[in-house]
Protein backbone atom coordinates (compact mmCIF):
# COMPACT_ATOMS: atom_id res chain seq x y z
CA GLN A 1 -1.73 -16.67 -6.25
CA VAL A 2 -3.25 -15.43 -3.01
CA GLN A 3 -5.83 -12.66 -2.94
CA LEU A 4 -5.24 -9.81 -0.56
CA VAL A 5 -8.15 -7.76 0.82
CA GLU A 6 -7.85 -3.98 0.89
CA SER A 7 -10.01 -1.34 2.53
CA GLY A 8 -9.92 2.35 3.38
CA GLY A 9 -9.92 4.18 0.06
CA GLY A 10 -12.17 7.12 -0.66
CA SER A 11 -12.32 10.79 -1.50
CA VAL A 12 -10.64 13.57 0.43
CA GLN A 13 -9.71 17.19 -0.09
CA ALA A 14 -6.12 18.28 -0.56
CA GLY A 15 -4.29 18.37 2.73
CA GLY A 16 -6.39 15.59 4.18
CA SER A 17 -5.52 12.09 5.35
CA LEU A 18 -6.57 8.52 4.66
CA ARG A 19 -5.47 5.15 5.98
CA LEU A 20 -5.46 2.06 3.82
CA SER A 21 -5.52 -1.47 5.24
CA CYS A 22 -4.71 -4.80 3.66
CA ALA A 23 -5.24 -8.24 5.18
CA ALA A 24 -3.50 -11.38 4.01
CA PRO A 25 -3.49 -15.04 5.01
CA ARG A 26 -1.11 -15.53 7.88
CA SER A 27 0.73 -18.33 6.16
CA ILE A 28 2.16 -15.89 3.62
CA PHE A 29 1.97 -12.60 5.50
CA ILE A 30 4.37 -13.39 8.29
CA THR A 31 7.37 -13.96 6.01
CA SER A 32 6.48 -11.66 3.14
CA THR A 33 7.60 -8.20 2.22
CA MET A 34 4.41 -6.21 1.92
CA ALA A 35 3.92 -3.13 -0.20
CA TRP A 36 1.54 -0.57 -1.59
CA HIS A 37 1.65 0.32 -5.25
CA ARG A 38 -0.51 2.81 -7.12
CA GLN A 39 -1.62 3.42 -10.66
CA ALA A 40 -2.95 6.75 -11.80
CA SER A 41 -5.07 7.03 -14.90
CA GLY A 42 -2.90 6.77 -18.00
CA LYS A 43 0.24 6.00 -16.03
CA GLN A 44 2.24 2.93 -15.12
CA ARG A 45 1.87 1.26 -11.76
CA GLU A 46 4.50 2.45 -9.30
CA LEU A 47 5.78 1.36 -5.93
CA VAL A 48 4.68 3.69 -3.15
CA ALA A 49 6.09 1.99 -0.05
CA GLU A 50 7.23 -1.41 1.15
CA ILE A 51 8.01 -3.05 4.47
CA THR A 52 9.96 -6.24 5.02
CA SER A 53 9.19 -8.98 7.51
CA GLU A 54 11.92 -7.39 9.65
CA TYR A 55 10.19 -3.99 9.47
CA SER A 56 12.65 -2.28 7.14
CA THR A 57 10.86 0.28 5.01
CA ASN A 58 11.34 1.94 1.65
CA TYR A 59 9.38 4.83 0.14
CA ALA A 60 9.00 6.50 -3.21
CA ASP A 61 10.54 9.96 -3.14
CA SER A 62 7.17 11.52 -3.92
CA VAL A 63 5.63 10.29 -0.66
CA LYS A 64 8.54 10.49 1.79
CA GLY A 65 7.58 12.43 4.88
CA ARG A 66 3.86 12.19 4.09
CA PHE A 67 3.08 8.47 3.96
CA THR A 68 3.88 5.80 6.54
CA ILE A 69 3.72 2.06 5.95
CA SER A 70 3.37 -0.27 8.91
CA ARG A 71 2.45 -3.85 9.62
CA ASP A 72 0.72 -5.70 12.44
CA ASN A 73 1.80 -9.33 12.41
CA ALA A 74 -0.78 -10.23 15.06
CA LYS A 75 -3.55 -9.11 12.67
CA ASN A 76 -1.83 -10.13 9.41
CA THR A 77 -2.46 -6.60 8.19
CA VAL A 78 -0.39 -3.92 6.50
CA TYR A 79 -1.35 -0.25 6.63
CA LEU A 80 -0.60 2.87 4.67
CA GLN A 81 -1.18 6.11 6.53
CA MET A 82 -1.38 8.93 4.01
CA ASN A 83 -1.14 12.53 5.22
CA SER A 84 -0.93 15.86 3.41
CA LEU A 85 -2.59 14.35 0.38
CA ASN A 86 -2.52 16.25 -2.88
CA PRO A 87 -4.31 15.72 -6.22
CA GLU A 88 -1.21 13.99 -7.64
CA ASP A 89 -1.84 11.17 -5.15
CA THR A 90 -5.10 10.29 -6.90
CA ALA A 91 -4.83 6.71 -8.09
CA VAL A 92 -5.93 3.15 -7.54
CA TYR A 93 -3.84 1.79 -4.68
CA TYR A 94 -2.88 -1.89 -4.66
CA CYS A 95 -1.62 -3.98 -1.80
CA ALA A 96 1.01 -6.56 -2.75
CA GLY A 97 3.01 -9.31 -1.09
CA LYS A 98 6.40 -10.76 -1.99
CA PRO A 99 7.15 -14.12 -0.37
CA SER A 100 10.63 -14.60 1.06
CA TRP A 101 11.52 -16.99 -1.78
CA ALA A 102 10.39 -14.64 -4.55
CA ASN A 103 12.04 -11.67 -6.25
CA ILE A 104 8.81 -10.12 -7.50
CA TYR A 105 5.47 -9.25 -5.95
CA ARG A 106 3.26 -12.27 -6.54
CA ASN A 107 0.13 -11.65 -4.48
CA TRP A 108 -2.12 -8.68 -5.15
CA GLY A 109 -5.26 -7.04 -3.89
CA GLN A 110 -8.08 -5.86 -6.09
CA GLY A 111 -7.21 -2.19 -5.66
CA THR A 112 -8.90 0.67 -3.85
CA GLN A 113 -9.54 4.11 -5.29
CA VAL A 114 -8.09 7.19 -3.64
CA THR A 115 -9.28 10.53 -5.00
CA VAL A 116 -7.87 13.83 -3.79
CA SER A 117 -9.63 17.02 -4.85
CA SER A 118 -8.10 20.47 -4.85
């Protein structure tokens, strides 16, 4: 299992924005679907957004129109731009990678806390 390195979490007031970043080894990044998941206190981990190696994207209904996932293959980095944040977005956010040969996310970051205050 490969460790992914996240950055960019923090605290923000409702209505604010944050951008999360996640770097991965190039050998796996370039052909992997990359995603952001989140887990709020007392809740199950959920998929927030994902982007394939061909740049197709998928979003949870709760974040559509507010969050944007993108990837920079030159930097082996995936981003999550989060706008119009609300307290319900408070959670630990995890970066994840799914190699082309896998059907589940196999590589995970350590998680970064995002806290949105009202």
